[in-house]
Amino acid sequence: MRRARLHARPWHWIASLAAAAALLRVEPAGARGGDDIFDPAVISLLGAMDHVPTRTQLESVMGPSPVEELWDLIGIGAAEKASPGVRLRAIRALALFPGDEARASLRAVIATYGAAREGLDVLLLRAAIESLATIGGAAAVADIAPFLHAEECRDLRATAALALGVIGSATAVPLLSQRQRTETKEQVKQAITEALRMILD
C-alpha cells in the first residue's frame, strides 16, 4: 500500500502552526526551565523552535544510543525538567531511533499524559503519538486508536487519525470508519478522510 506523507496537506500545516503557537504560549521568551542542568550542546541542538535535528547531528553530541538521554530530557518524574520546547523535540527525536527502547519510551509518555486535553501536556502527548506512529508499526494501532474518541480535544482526535494513517495498517480502517460516522468537527473529519486515503490507496 502506498503511504502519503503526513505533511502533504495544507490543512495539516495549519494544525502544526497552531501547535507551535500553543507551545509559544507555554514557553515564553527567556523561559528555559532546567536546561542549564543538561549538556549545552544537546540543548543547543534541541533548542530551535519547530525543528528536530537529524539522527547524525544527535549522535554527534549524544553518541550512537541516545534514547536514554532523550528520555531524561523528556523529564517524566524528574524534579527538574528541561524547557517545554526541548522536551517536545526530545519526544519527536525518539522517532529517529527505531527500536524497542524508543518505542517503550514513547508508550510511557502516552501512558503518562494520556488523560491530557489541554496545555503543554497534550502537546507532549500528540508528539508521542506521532512519533510512535512513525516507528511503532501495526502494534501501535492499539495505543493510538483510543484517542479517536478524545471528546474534549479535537486536535488530539485529528492527531490520532493522521497517526493511524501513517501506520498504514488495515486494522485501523474500521476504527476510523466508525469515528467518521459520528465526528462533527471538520478538522477531524478531514484528518479521518486523509488517514483512510493513506491506508487504502
N, C-alpha and C. Protein backbone atom coordinates (compact mmCIF):
# COMPACT_ATOMS: atom_id res chain seq x y z
N MET A 1 0.84 -1.20 0.00
CA MET A 1 0.00 0.00 0.00
C MET A 1 0.88 1.25 0.00
N ARG A 2 0.56 2.23 -0.79
CA ARG A 2 1.31 3.47 -0.85
C ARG A 2 0.91 4.37 0.30
N ARG A 3 1.89 4.93 0.96
CA ARG A 3 1.62 5.82 2.10
C ARG A 3 1.92 7.26 1.72
N ALA A 4 0.99 8.12 1.95
CA ALA A 4 1.22 9.53 1.69
C ALA A 4 2.00 10.12 2.84
N ARG A 5 2.74 11.17 2.55
CA ARG A 5 3.47 11.85 3.62
C ARG A 5 2.51 12.64 4.49
N LEU A 6 2.83 12.68 5.78
CA LEU A 6 1.94 13.34 6.73
C LEU A 6 1.82 14.83 6.43
N HIS A 7 2.88 15.41 5.85
CA HIS A 7 2.85 16.86 5.64
C HIS A 7 2.34 17.24 4.26
N ALA A 8 1.66 16.34 3.59
CA ALA A 8 1.28 16.61 2.20
C ALA A 8 0.10 17.55 2.07
N ARG A 9 -0.69 17.74 3.13
CA ARG A 9 -1.91 18.51 3.02
C ARG A 9 -1.78 19.86 3.71
N PRO A 10 -2.21 20.95 3.06
CA PRO A 10 -2.06 22.28 3.65
C PRO A 10 -2.71 22.39 5.01
N TRP A 11 -3.88 21.76 5.22
CA TRP A 11 -4.56 21.93 6.50
C TRP A 11 -3.77 21.29 7.63
N HIS A 12 -2.89 20.32 7.32
CA HIS A 12 -2.05 19.77 8.38
C HIS A 12 -1.04 20.80 8.84
N TRP A 13 -0.54 21.60 7.89
CA TRP A 13 0.38 22.66 8.28
C TRP A 13 -0.30 23.67 9.19
N ILE A 14 -1.59 23.94 8.94
CA ILE A 14 -2.32 24.85 9.82
C ILE A 14 -2.36 24.29 11.23
N ALA A 15 -2.63 23.00 11.35
CA ALA A 15 -2.66 22.38 12.67
C ALA A 15 -1.28 22.45 13.33
N SER A 16 -0.21 22.26 12.54
CA SER A 16 1.14 22.32 13.10
C SER A 16 1.46 23.72 13.59
N LEU A 17 1.03 24.73 12.82
CA LEU A 17 1.27 26.10 13.25
C LEU A 17 0.52 26.41 14.54
N ALA A 18 -0.69 25.88 14.64
CA ALA A 18 -1.46 26.10 15.87
C ALA A 18 -0.76 25.46 17.06
N ALA A 19 -0.20 24.28 16.86
CA ALA A 19 0.53 23.63 17.95
C ALA A 19 1.76 24.44 18.33
N ALA A 20 2.45 24.98 17.33
CA ALA A 20 3.62 25.80 17.63
C ALA A 20 3.23 27.05 18.40
N ALA A 21 2.10 27.66 18.02
CA ALA A 21 1.64 28.84 18.74
C ALA A 21 1.30 28.51 20.19
N ALA A 22 0.69 27.34 20.38
CA ALA A 22 0.38 26.92 21.75
C ALA A 22 1.66 26.73 22.54
N LEU A 23 2.69 26.17 21.91
CA LEU A 23 3.95 25.97 22.59
C LEU A 23 4.58 27.30 22.96
N LEU A 24 4.47 28.29 22.08
CA LEU A 24 5.00 29.61 22.39
C LEU A 24 4.31 30.20 23.61
N ARG A 25 3.01 29.92 23.77
CA ARG A 25 2.32 30.43 24.94
C ARG A 25 2.81 29.74 26.20
N VAL A 26 3.19 28.47 26.05
CA VAL A 26 3.67 27.74 27.21
C VAL A 26 5.10 28.14 27.54
N GLU A 27 5.90 28.43 26.51
CA GLU A 27 7.32 28.70 26.69
C GLU A 27 7.63 30.11 26.19
N PRO A 28 7.33 31.14 26.98
CA PRO A 28 7.62 32.49 26.57
C PRO A 28 9.12 32.71 26.46
N ALA A 29 9.49 33.77 25.72
CA ALA A 29 10.89 34.08 25.54
C ALA A 29 11.59 34.18 26.88
N GLY A 30 12.74 33.49 26.99
CA GLY A 30 13.51 33.54 28.22
C GLY A 30 13.17 32.44 29.19
N ALA A 31 12.09 31.70 28.96
CA ALA A 31 11.74 30.62 29.88
C ALA A 31 12.52 29.38 29.49
N ARG A 32 13.52 29.03 30.26
CA ARG A 32 14.42 27.96 29.89
C ARG A 32 14.28 26.72 30.74
N GLY A 33 13.36 26.71 31.69
CA GLY A 33 13.18 25.53 32.51
C GLY A 33 14.47 25.15 33.20
N GLY A 34 14.80 23.88 33.19
CA GLY A 34 16.04 23.40 33.79
C GLY A 34 17.09 23.08 32.76
N ASP A 35 17.11 23.78 31.63
CA ASP A 35 18.04 23.47 30.55
C ASP A 35 19.49 23.52 31.02
N ASP A 36 19.78 24.34 32.03
CA ASP A 36 21.16 24.52 32.44
C ASP A 36 21.74 23.28 33.12
N ILE A 37 20.93 22.30 33.46
CA ILE A 37 21.45 21.08 34.09
C ILE A 37 21.80 20.02 33.04
N PHE A 38 21.52 20.28 31.76
CA PHE A 38 21.80 19.33 30.70
C PHE A 38 22.99 19.80 29.86
N ASP A 39 23.49 18.89 29.05
CA ASP A 39 24.62 19.19 28.17
C ASP A 39 24.25 20.36 27.25
N PRO A 40 25.02 21.44 27.29
CA PRO A 40 24.69 22.61 26.45
C PRO A 40 24.64 22.29 24.96
N ALA A 41 25.48 21.36 24.51
CA ALA A 41 25.49 21.01 23.09
C ALA A 41 24.17 20.35 22.70
N VAL A 42 23.64 19.51 23.58
CA VAL A 42 22.36 18.85 23.32
C VAL A 42 21.23 19.88 23.33
N ILE A 43 21.25 20.75 24.32
CA ILE A 43 20.20 21.78 24.41
C ILE A 43 20.24 22.69 23.19
N SER A 44 21.42 22.98 22.71
CA SER A 44 21.54 23.83 21.51
C SER A 44 20.89 23.15 20.31
N LEU A 45 21.11 21.84 20.16
CA LEU A 45 20.52 21.11 19.04
C LEU A 45 19.00 21.06 19.13
N LEU A 46 18.49 20.85 20.35
CA LEU A 46 17.05 20.68 20.53
C LEU A 46 16.35 21.99 20.87
N GLY A 47 17.08 23.09 20.85
CA GLY A 47 16.50 24.35 21.29
C GLY A 47 15.84 25.18 20.22
N ALA A 48 16.02 24.82 18.94
CA ALA A 48 15.43 25.61 17.86
C ALA A 48 13.95 25.31 17.74
N MET A 49 13.13 26.37 17.67
CA MET A 49 11.68 26.21 17.61
C MET A 49 11.26 25.45 16.36
N ASP A 50 10.39 24.44 16.56
CA ASP A 50 9.81 23.67 15.45
C ASP A 50 10.86 23.03 14.56
N HIS A 51 11.93 22.51 15.18
CA HIS A 51 12.97 21.84 14.39
C HIS A 51 13.49 20.66 15.19
N VAL A 52 13.55 19.51 14.55
CA VAL A 52 14.18 18.34 15.15
C VAL A 52 15.46 18.06 14.38
N PRO A 53 16.60 18.00 15.05
CA PRO A 53 17.85 17.73 14.34
C PRO A 53 17.86 16.34 13.73
N THR A 54 18.77 16.13 12.84
CA THR A 54 18.90 14.82 12.20
C THR A 54 19.51 13.81 13.18
N ARG A 55 19.38 12.54 12.84
CA ARG A 55 19.98 11.50 13.66
C ARG A 55 21.50 11.69 13.74
N THR A 56 22.10 12.04 12.60
CA THR A 56 23.55 12.25 12.58
C THR A 56 23.95 13.37 13.53
N GLN A 57 23.20 14.46 13.52
CA GLN A 57 23.51 15.57 14.41
C GLN A 57 23.39 15.17 15.88
N LEU A 58 22.34 14.43 16.21
CA LEU A 58 22.15 13.99 17.59
C LEU A 58 23.26 13.04 18.02
N GLU A 59 23.59 12.09 17.16
CA GLU A 59 24.63 11.13 17.50
C GLU A 59 25.98 11.80 17.66
N SER A 60 26.18 12.92 16.98
CA SER A 60 27.47 13.60 17.08
C SER A 60 27.72 14.18 18.46
N VAL A 61 26.66 14.46 19.20
CA VAL A 61 26.82 15.02 20.54
C VAL A 61 26.32 14.10 21.65
N MET A 62 25.50 13.10 21.29
CA MET A 62 24.92 12.21 22.29
C MET A 62 25.40 10.77 22.18
N GLY A 63 26.19 10.47 21.13
CA GLY A 63 26.64 9.10 20.94
C GLY A 63 25.65 8.29 20.13
N PRO A 64 25.98 7.02 19.85
CA PRO A 64 25.16 6.21 18.94
C PRO A 64 23.87 5.69 19.54
N SER A 65 23.70 5.79 20.86
CA SER A 65 22.48 5.27 21.51
C SER A 65 21.92 6.31 22.48
N PRO A 66 21.31 7.36 21.94
CA PRO A 66 20.91 8.49 22.79
C PRO A 66 19.52 8.39 23.40
N VAL A 67 18.84 7.24 23.28
CA VAL A 67 17.46 7.16 23.73
C VAL A 67 17.35 7.46 25.22
N GLU A 68 18.26 6.93 26.01
CA GLU A 68 18.21 7.17 27.46
C GLU A 68 18.35 8.65 27.78
N GLU A 69 19.25 9.34 27.08
CA GLU A 69 19.44 10.77 27.33
C GLU A 69 18.21 11.56 26.86
N LEU A 70 17.61 11.16 25.74
CA LEU A 70 16.39 11.81 25.29
C LEU A 70 15.27 11.62 26.33
N TRP A 71 15.21 10.43 26.90
CA TRP A 71 14.21 10.17 27.95
C TRP A 71 14.43 11.10 29.14
N ASP A 72 15.69 11.29 29.53
CA ASP A 72 15.98 12.20 30.64
C ASP A 72 15.52 13.62 30.31
N LEU A 73 15.67 14.02 29.05
CA LEU A 73 15.25 15.37 28.65
C LEU A 73 13.73 15.50 28.69
N ILE A 74 13.01 14.44 28.38
CA ILE A 74 11.54 14.49 28.45
C ILE A 74 11.09 14.77 29.88
N GLY A 75 11.79 14.19 30.83
CA GLY A 75 11.64 14.61 32.22
C GLY A 75 10.49 14.02 33.00
N ILE A 76 9.94 12.90 32.58
CA ILE A 76 8.85 12.30 33.33
C ILE A 76 9.35 11.85 34.69
N GLY A 77 8.72 12.35 35.74
CA GLY A 77 9.11 12.01 37.10
C GLY A 77 10.31 12.75 37.64
N ALA A 78 10.90 13.62 36.83
CA ALA A 78 12.09 14.35 37.27
C ALA A 78 11.71 15.59 38.06
N ALA A 79 12.50 15.89 39.07
CA ALA A 79 12.26 17.09 39.87
C ALA A 79 12.55 18.35 39.06
N GLU A 80 13.60 18.30 38.24
CA GLU A 80 13.95 19.43 37.37
C GLU A 80 13.80 18.98 35.93
N LYS A 81 13.13 19.77 35.15
CA LYS A 81 12.84 19.41 33.77
C LYS A 81 13.46 20.41 32.80
N ALA A 82 13.73 19.96 31.59
CA ALA A 82 14.14 20.88 30.53
C ALA A 82 12.97 21.78 30.17
N SER A 83 13.25 22.80 29.38
CA SER A 83 12.20 23.71 28.95
C SER A 83 11.18 22.96 28.08
N PRO A 84 9.94 23.46 28.00
CA PRO A 84 8.90 22.74 27.25
C PRO A 84 9.27 22.42 25.81
N GLY A 85 9.88 23.36 25.11
CA GLY A 85 10.22 23.11 23.72
C GLY A 85 11.25 22.00 23.57
N VAL A 86 12.24 21.96 24.45
CA VAL A 86 13.25 20.91 24.41
C VAL A 86 12.61 19.56 24.69
N ARG A 87 11.69 19.51 25.65
CA ARG A 87 11.01 18.25 25.96
C ARG A 87 10.21 17.76 24.75
N LEU A 88 9.52 18.68 24.10
CA LEU A 88 8.72 18.32 22.93
C LEU A 88 9.60 17.77 21.82
N ARG A 89 10.71 18.42 21.56
CA ARG A 89 11.57 17.98 20.47
C ARG A 89 12.34 16.71 20.83
N ALA A 90 12.56 16.46 22.11
CA ALA A 90 13.16 15.19 22.52
C ALA A 90 12.22 14.03 22.21
N ILE A 91 10.92 14.25 22.43
CA ILE A 91 9.94 13.22 22.08
C ILE A 91 9.96 12.97 20.58
N ARG A 92 9.97 14.02 19.79
CA ARG A 92 9.99 13.85 18.34
C ARG A 92 11.29 13.17 17.88
N ALA A 93 12.39 13.47 18.57
CA ALA A 93 13.67 12.88 18.18
C ALA A 93 13.71 11.37 18.41
N LEU A 94 12.90 10.86 19.32
CA LEU A 94 12.88 9.41 19.55
C LEU A 94 12.51 8.65 18.28
N ALA A 95 11.73 9.27 17.41
CA ALA A 95 11.34 8.61 16.17
C ALA A 95 12.51 8.38 15.22
N LEU A 96 13.64 9.04 15.49
CA LEU A 96 14.83 8.86 14.66
C LEU A 96 15.61 7.61 15.04
N PHE A 97 15.20 6.96 16.14
CA PHE A 97 15.95 5.82 16.65
C PHE A 97 15.02 4.63 16.85
N PRO A 98 14.50 4.07 15.76
CA PRO A 98 13.54 2.98 15.87
C PRO A 98 14.15 1.79 16.60
N GLY A 99 13.42 1.29 17.54
CA GLY A 99 13.89 0.16 18.33
C GLY A 99 12.99 0.01 19.55
N ASP A 100 13.16 -1.09 20.25
CA ASP A 100 12.29 -1.37 21.38
C ASP A 100 12.39 -0.32 22.48
N GLU A 101 13.59 0.19 22.71
CA GLU A 101 13.77 1.17 23.79
C GLU A 101 13.01 2.47 23.49
N ALA A 102 13.13 2.94 22.25
CA ALA A 102 12.42 4.16 21.86
C ALA A 102 10.92 3.95 21.89
N ARG A 103 10.46 2.81 21.39
CA ARG A 103 9.02 2.54 21.40
C ARG A 103 8.48 2.46 22.83
N ALA A 104 9.23 1.82 23.71
CA ALA A 104 8.80 1.74 25.11
C ALA A 104 8.76 3.13 25.75
N SER A 105 9.72 3.97 25.40
CA SER A 105 9.75 5.34 25.94
C SER A 105 8.53 6.13 25.47
N LEU A 106 8.19 6.00 24.20
CA LEU A 106 7.04 6.72 23.66
C LEU A 106 5.74 6.21 24.28
N ARG A 107 5.65 4.92 24.48
CA ARG A 107 4.45 4.38 25.14
C ARG A 107 4.34 4.88 26.57
N ALA A 108 5.47 5.06 27.23
CA ALA A 108 5.45 5.59 28.60
C ALA A 108 4.98 7.04 28.61
N VAL A 109 5.40 7.82 27.61
CA VAL A 109 4.91 9.21 27.51
C VAL A 109 3.40 9.22 27.30
N ILE A 110 2.92 8.35 26.41
CA ILE A 110 1.49 8.28 26.13
C ILE A 110 0.72 7.87 27.38
N ALA A 111 1.25 6.92 28.12
CA ALA A 111 0.58 6.49 29.35
C ALA A 111 0.56 7.60 30.39
N THR A 112 1.64 8.37 30.45
CA THR A 112 1.73 9.44 31.45
C THR A 112 0.76 10.58 31.15
N TYR A 113 0.66 10.96 29.89
CA TYR A 113 -0.12 12.14 29.52
C TYR A 113 -1.42 11.77 28.80
N GLY A 114 -1.82 10.52 28.87
CA GLY A 114 -2.98 10.06 28.13
C GLY A 114 -4.27 10.76 28.46
N ALA A 115 -4.38 11.30 29.66
CA ALA A 115 -5.61 11.99 30.06
C ALA A 115 -5.57 13.48 29.75
N ALA A 116 -4.45 13.97 29.23
CA ALA A 116 -4.30 15.41 28.98
C ALA A 116 -5.18 15.85 27.82
N ARG A 117 -5.78 17.01 27.94
CA ARG A 117 -6.62 17.54 26.88
C ARG A 117 -6.32 19.01 26.58
N GLU A 118 -5.35 19.60 27.28
CA GLU A 118 -5.01 21.00 27.04
C GLU A 118 -3.60 21.27 27.54
N GLY A 119 -3.08 22.43 27.15
CA GLY A 119 -1.79 22.88 27.64
C GLY A 119 -0.61 22.08 27.11
N LEU A 120 0.51 22.22 27.79
CA LEU A 120 1.73 21.54 27.38
C LEU A 120 1.57 20.03 27.34
N ASP A 121 0.87 19.47 28.32
CA ASP A 121 0.77 18.02 28.40
C ASP A 121 0.16 17.41 27.15
N VAL A 122 -0.85 18.07 26.57
CA VAL A 122 -1.46 17.50 25.37
C VAL A 122 -0.53 17.65 24.17
N LEU A 123 0.32 18.67 24.15
CA LEU A 123 1.30 18.78 23.07
C LEU A 123 2.33 17.66 23.17
N LEU A 124 2.75 17.34 24.38
CA LEU A 124 3.68 16.23 24.57
C LEU A 124 3.02 14.92 24.15
N LEU A 125 1.76 14.75 24.51
CA LEU A 125 1.02 13.55 24.14
C LEU A 125 0.91 13.43 22.63
N ARG A 126 0.54 14.50 21.95
CA ARG A 126 0.40 14.45 20.50
C ARG A 126 1.73 14.14 19.82
N ALA A 127 2.82 14.72 20.33
CA ALA A 127 4.14 14.44 19.76
C ALA A 127 4.50 12.97 19.92
N ALA A 128 4.17 12.39 21.08
CA ALA A 128 4.46 10.98 21.31
C ALA A 128 3.64 10.08 20.39
N ILE A 129 2.38 10.44 20.18
CA ILE A 129 1.53 9.67 19.27
C ILE A 129 2.10 9.69 17.86
N GLU A 130 2.50 10.87 17.39
CA GLU A 130 3.05 10.99 16.04
C GLU A 130 4.36 10.21 15.91
N SER A 131 5.22 10.29 16.93
CA SER A 131 6.49 9.58 16.87
C SER A 131 6.29 8.07 16.92
N LEU A 132 5.38 7.61 17.77
CA LEU A 132 5.12 6.17 17.84
C LEU A 132 4.54 5.66 16.53
N ALA A 133 3.70 6.46 15.88
CA ALA A 133 3.16 6.05 14.58
C ALA A 133 4.27 5.84 13.57
N THR A 134 5.33 6.62 13.68
CA THR A 134 6.44 6.53 12.73
C THR A 134 7.23 5.25 12.91
N ILE A 135 7.39 4.79 14.15
CA ILE A 135 8.29 3.65 14.40
C ILE A 135 7.59 2.46 15.06
N GLY A 136 6.30 2.58 15.34
CA GLY A 136 5.63 1.55 16.12
C GLY A 136 5.04 0.41 15.32
N GLY A 137 4.82 0.62 14.02
CA GLY A 137 4.22 -0.42 13.21
C GLY A 137 2.77 -0.68 13.60
N ALA A 138 2.24 -1.78 13.08
CA ALA A 138 0.82 -2.09 13.30
C ALA A 138 0.47 -2.26 14.77
N ALA A 139 1.44 -2.65 15.58
CA ALA A 139 1.17 -2.83 17.00
C ALA A 139 0.77 -1.52 17.68
N ALA A 140 1.16 -0.40 17.09
CA ALA A 140 0.86 0.90 17.69
C ALA A 140 -0.59 1.33 17.49
N VAL A 141 -1.32 0.63 16.63
CA VAL A 141 -2.74 0.97 16.42
C VAL A 141 -3.49 0.92 17.74
N ALA A 142 -3.23 -0.08 18.54
CA ALA A 142 -3.93 -0.24 19.81
C ALA A 142 -3.59 0.88 20.80
N ASP A 143 -2.39 1.45 20.69
CA ASP A 143 -2.00 2.55 21.57
C ASP A 143 -2.67 3.86 21.16
N ILE A 144 -2.88 4.03 19.87
CA ILE A 144 -3.30 5.32 19.33
C ILE A 144 -4.80 5.43 19.10
N ALA A 145 -5.44 4.35 18.69
CA ALA A 145 -6.85 4.40 18.32
C ALA A 145 -7.77 4.95 19.41
N PRO A 146 -7.54 4.68 20.69
CA PRO A 146 -8.45 5.23 21.70
C PRO A 146 -8.56 6.74 21.68
N PHE A 147 -7.55 7.42 21.17
CA PHE A 147 -7.58 8.88 21.15
C PHE A 147 -8.48 9.42 20.04
N LEU A 148 -8.98 8.56 19.17
CA LEU A 148 -10.02 8.99 18.22
C LEU A 148 -11.27 9.45 18.96
N HIS A 149 -11.40 9.05 20.21
CA HIS A 149 -12.59 9.35 21.00
C HIS A 149 -12.30 10.32 22.15
N ALA A 150 -11.24 11.10 21.99
CA ALA A 150 -10.90 12.12 22.98
C ALA A 150 -11.84 13.31 22.77
N GLU A 151 -13.04 13.22 23.32
CA GLU A 151 -14.10 14.17 23.01
C GLU A 151 -13.75 15.62 23.37
N GLU A 152 -12.92 15.80 24.36
CA GLU A 152 -12.63 17.16 24.83
C GLU A 152 -11.57 17.87 24.00
N CYS A 153 -10.96 17.20 23.02
CA CYS A 153 -9.84 17.82 22.28
C CYS A 153 -9.85 17.35 20.83
N ARG A 154 -10.34 18.20 19.95
CA ARG A 154 -10.39 17.80 18.53
C ARG A 154 -9.00 17.71 17.92
N ASP A 155 -8.04 18.53 18.41
CA ASP A 155 -6.68 18.43 17.89
C ASP A 155 -6.10 17.05 18.18
N LEU A 156 -6.38 16.52 19.35
CA LEU A 156 -5.89 15.19 19.70
C LEU A 156 -6.55 14.12 18.83
N ARG A 157 -7.85 14.26 18.57
CA ARG A 157 -8.52 13.30 17.69
C ARG A 157 -7.92 13.34 16.29
N ALA A 158 -7.67 14.53 15.79
CA ALA A 158 -7.10 14.66 14.45
C ALA A 158 -5.69 14.08 14.40
N THR A 159 -4.91 14.33 15.44
CA THR A 159 -3.56 13.75 15.52
C THR A 159 -3.63 12.24 15.49
N ALA A 160 -4.54 11.66 16.26
CA ALA A 160 -4.67 10.20 16.30
C ALA A 160 -5.07 9.66 14.93
N ALA A 161 -6.00 10.31 14.26
CA ALA A 161 -6.43 9.84 12.95
C ALA A 161 -5.28 9.84 11.96
N LEU A 162 -4.56 10.94 11.88
CA LEU A 162 -3.44 11.02 10.94
C LEU A 162 -2.34 10.04 11.30
N ALA A 163 -2.11 9.83 12.59
CA ALA A 163 -1.11 8.86 13.01
C ALA A 163 -1.47 7.45 12.55
N LEU A 164 -2.75 7.11 12.63
CA LEU A 164 -3.18 5.81 12.13
C LEU A 164 -2.96 5.70 10.62
N GLY A 165 -3.15 6.80 9.93
CA GLY A 165 -2.87 6.80 8.50
C GLY A 165 -1.40 6.56 8.22
N VAL A 166 -0.53 7.16 9.01
CA VAL A 166 0.91 6.97 8.84
C VAL A 166 1.28 5.51 9.06
N ILE A 167 0.69 4.88 10.07
CA ILE A 167 0.96 3.46 10.32
C ILE A 167 0.57 2.62 9.11
N GLY A 168 -0.59 2.93 8.53
CA GLY A 168 -0.99 2.28 7.29
C GLY A 168 -1.54 0.88 7.44
N SER A 169 -1.93 0.50 8.63
CA SER A 169 -2.45 -0.85 8.85
C SER A 169 -3.94 -0.92 8.57
N ALA A 170 -4.35 -1.97 7.87
CA ALA A 170 -5.78 -2.15 7.57
C ALA A 170 -6.61 -2.34 8.83
N THR A 171 -5.98 -2.73 9.92
CA THR A 171 -6.73 -2.91 11.16
C THR A 171 -7.31 -1.59 11.67
N ALA A 172 -6.77 -0.46 11.20
CA ALA A 172 -7.28 0.84 11.63
C ALA A 172 -8.51 1.29 10.84
N VAL A 173 -8.77 0.67 9.71
CA VAL A 173 -9.86 1.14 8.84
C VAL A 173 -11.22 1.10 9.54
N PRO A 174 -11.63 0.00 10.16
CA PRO A 174 -12.94 0.02 10.81
C PRO A 174 -13.00 1.00 11.99
N LEU A 175 -11.88 1.22 12.65
CA LEU A 175 -11.85 2.17 13.77
C LEU A 175 -12.05 3.60 13.27
N LEU A 176 -11.38 3.92 12.17
CA LEU A 176 -11.53 5.25 11.58
C LEU A 176 -12.93 5.43 10.99
N SER A 177 -13.43 4.41 10.35
CA SER A 177 -14.75 4.50 9.74
C SER A 177 -15.83 4.67 10.80
N GLN A 178 -15.67 3.98 11.90
CA GLN A 178 -16.64 4.12 12.99
C GLN A 178 -16.67 5.55 13.52
N ARG A 179 -15.48 6.13 13.72
CA ARG A 179 -15.43 7.51 14.21
C ARG A 179 -15.96 8.49 13.16
N GLN A 180 -15.71 8.20 11.91
CA GLN A 180 -16.15 9.07 10.83
C GLN A 180 -17.67 9.25 10.84
N ARG A 181 -18.39 8.21 11.24
CA ARG A 181 -19.86 8.27 11.23
C ARG A 181 -20.42 9.20 12.30
N THR A 182 -19.66 9.49 13.34
CA THR A 182 -20.17 10.31 14.45
C THR A 182 -19.44 11.63 14.62
N GLU A 183 -18.30 11.79 13.95
CA GLU A 183 -17.50 13.00 14.15
C GLU A 183 -18.23 14.25 13.62
N THR A 184 -18.16 15.34 14.38
CA THR A 184 -18.86 16.56 13.99
C THR A 184 -17.91 17.70 13.61
N LYS A 185 -16.64 17.61 13.96
CA LYS A 185 -15.70 18.69 13.70
C LYS A 185 -15.02 18.49 12.35
N GLU A 186 -15.03 19.55 11.54
CA GLU A 186 -14.50 19.45 10.19
C GLU A 186 -13.01 19.09 10.19
N GLN A 187 -12.25 19.65 11.11
CA GLN A 187 -10.82 19.34 11.19
C GLN A 187 -10.59 17.84 11.33
N VAL A 188 -11.37 17.22 12.19
CA VAL A 188 -11.19 15.79 12.44
C VAL A 188 -11.73 14.96 11.28
N LYS A 189 -12.84 15.41 10.70
CA LYS A 189 -13.37 14.71 9.52
C LYS A 189 -12.32 14.66 8.41
N GLN A 190 -11.66 15.79 8.16
CA GLN A 190 -10.63 15.83 7.13
C GLN A 190 -9.47 14.90 7.47
N ALA A 191 -9.09 14.89 8.75
CA ALA A 191 -7.99 14.02 9.17
C ALA A 191 -8.35 12.55 8.96
N ILE A 192 -9.58 12.18 9.29
CA ILE A 192 -10.01 10.79 9.10
C ILE A 192 -10.04 10.43 7.62
N THR A 193 -10.57 11.33 6.80
CA THR A 193 -10.61 11.08 5.36
C THR A 193 -9.21 10.88 4.81
N GLU A 194 -8.29 11.75 5.23
CA GLU A 194 -6.90 11.63 4.79
C GLU A 194 -6.28 10.32 5.26
N ALA A 195 -6.52 9.95 6.51
CA ALA A 195 -5.96 8.72 7.05
C ALA A 195 -6.46 7.50 6.27
N LEU A 196 -7.74 7.47 5.97
CA LEU A 196 -8.30 6.36 5.20
C LEU A 196 -7.68 6.30 3.81
N ARG A 197 -7.48 7.47 3.20
CA ARG A 197 -6.84 7.51 1.88
C ARG A 197 -5.42 6.96 1.96
N MET A 198 -4.69 7.35 3.00
CA MET A 198 -3.31 6.89 3.16
C MET A 198 -3.24 5.37 3.29
N ILE A 199 -4.22 4.79 3.96
CA ILE A 199 -4.21 3.34 4.17
C ILE A 199 -4.68 2.59 2.93
N LEU A 200 -5.73 3.10 2.29
CA LEU A 200 -6.40 2.33 1.24
C LEU A 200 -5.82 2.55 -0.16
N ASP A 201 -5.13 3.65 -0.37
CA ASP A 201 -4.58 3.92 -1.70
C ASP A 201 -3.46 2.94 -2.04
